[in-house]
Protein backbone atom coordinates (compact mmCIF):
# COMPACT_ATOMS: atom_id res chain seq x y z
CA MET A 1 -10.59 9.47 23.68
CA ALA A 2 -7.19 7.83 24.07
CA THR A 3 -4.12 9.20 22.32
CA TRP A 4 -2.10 7.04 19.94
CA LYS A 5 0.71 6.94 22.53
CA GLU A 6 -1.72 5.57 25.15
CA VAL A 7 -3.12 2.99 22.73
CA ARG A 8 0.40 2.00 21.69
CA ASN A 9 1.39 1.49 25.33
CA GLU A 10 -1.70 -0.66 25.91
CA LEU A 11 -0.81 -2.81 22.89
CA ASN A 12 2.54 -3.58 24.50
CA LEU A 13 4.27 -3.88 21.13
CA LYS A 14 7.67 -5.50 20.86
CA GLU A 15 10.54 -3.47 19.42
CA GLU A 16 10.46 -5.51 16.19
CA ASP A 17 6.73 -4.73 15.80
CA GLU A 18 7.49 -1.03 16.28
CA ASN A 19 10.20 -1.29 13.62
CA ILE A 20 7.77 -2.90 11.16
CA ILE A 21 5.23 -0.14 11.75
CA GLU A 22 7.90 2.51 11.16
CA LEU A 23 9.09 0.82 7.95
CA GLU A 24 5.54 0.69 6.60
CA LYS A 25 5.00 4.36 7.45
CA GLU A 26 8.26 5.32 5.70
CA LEU A 27 7.28 3.32 2.62
CA ILE A 28 3.83 4.88 2.44
CA ARG A 29 5.23 8.40 2.91
CA ALA A 30 7.73 7.76 0.11
CA MET A 31 4.99 6.51 -2.24
CA VAL A 32 2.82 9.56 -1.55
CA LYS A 33 5.82 11.85 -2.11
CA ILE A 34 6.61 10.19 -5.44
CA ARG A 35 2.99 10.48 -6.58
CA GLU A 36 2.84 14.14 -5.60
CA GLU A 37 6.21 14.94 -7.21
CA GLU A 38 4.94 13.35 -10.43
CA GLY A 39 1.89 15.61 -10.17
CA LEU A 40 -0.49 12.65 -10.23
CA SER A 41 -3.81 12.27 -8.50
CA GLN A 42 -4.63 8.90 -6.97
CA ALA A 43 -6.89 8.18 -9.94
CA GLN A 44 -4.17 9.06 -12.46
CA LEU A 45 -1.64 6.88 -10.63
CA ALA A 46 -4.12 4.02 -10.51
CA GLU A 47 -4.69 4.26 -14.26
CA LYS A 48 -0.95 4.37 -14.95
CA CYS A 49 -0.33 1.33 -12.75
CA HIS A 50 -3.39 -0.66 -13.87
CA VAL A 51 -4.95 -0.84 -10.42
CA LYS A 52 -8.15 0.66 -9.08
CA GLN A 53 -8.05 4.03 -7.33
CA PRO A 54 -9.30 2.59 -4.01
CA VAL A 55 -6.17 0.40 -3.92
CA ILE A 56 -4.04 3.55 -3.93
CA ALA A 57 -6.27 5.24 -1.34
CA ARG A 58 -6.14 2.24 1.02
CA MET A 59 -2.36 2.09 0.73
CA GLU A 60 -1.95 5.79 1.40
CA LYS A 61 -4.29 5.66 4.39
CA ALA A 62 -2.46 2.58 5.71
CA VAL A 63 -5.75 0.69 6.03
CA HIS A 64 -3.73 -2.51 5.89
CA SER A 65 -0.14 -3.53 5.32
CA PRO A 66 0.74 -3.16 1.64
CA GLN A 67 1.36 -6.40 -0.24
CA ILE A 68 4.66 -6.71 -2.13
CA ASP A 69 2.92 -7.34 -5.46
CA SER A 70 0.76 -4.24 -5.00
CA LEU A 71 3.81 -2.15 -4.20
CA LEU A 72 5.60 -3.41 -7.28
CA LYS A 73 2.56 -2.70 -9.49
CA ILE A 74 2.75 0.91 -8.36
CA LEU A 75 6.49 1.50 -8.13
CA THR A 76 7.58 -0.17 -11.38
CA PRO A 77 5.59 2.06 -13.79
CA LEU A 78 6.93 5.07 -11.89
CA GLY A 79 10.50 3.91 -12.44
CA TYR A 80 11.23 2.81 -8.86
CA LYS A 81 12.21 -0.45 -7.20
CA LEU A 82 12.34 -1.81 -3.68
CA GLN A 83 15.76 -2.20 -2.18
CA ILE A 84 16.79 -4.06 0.95
CA VAL A 85 19.21 -2.09 3.10
CA PRO A 86 20.43 -2.58 6.67
CA MET A 87 18.49 -0.77 9.38
CA GLU A 88 20.32 1.69 11.57
CA ARG A 89 21.14 0.08 14.87
CA LYS A 90 20.20 1.82 18.10
CA ALA A 91 23.17 2.42 20.38
């Protein structure tokens, strides 16, 4: 079985694609952290945000890229918002 690093090399991703993947991973990690800090299960978060629990599970597993409207449905009831900030530039 190939490692993720081997698969990634075979995909020959551009730097901007790598950056997008990293941003999505950061966003998902932040959402999971918020949910856990609030002491909520996926089902409880889903109920609070008026979405179905599988929506939360798919987001947390990164099954697909999260849609902005789905993110907002989850973040807003938790008291969070998305903010656009400059990325750190590599030297």
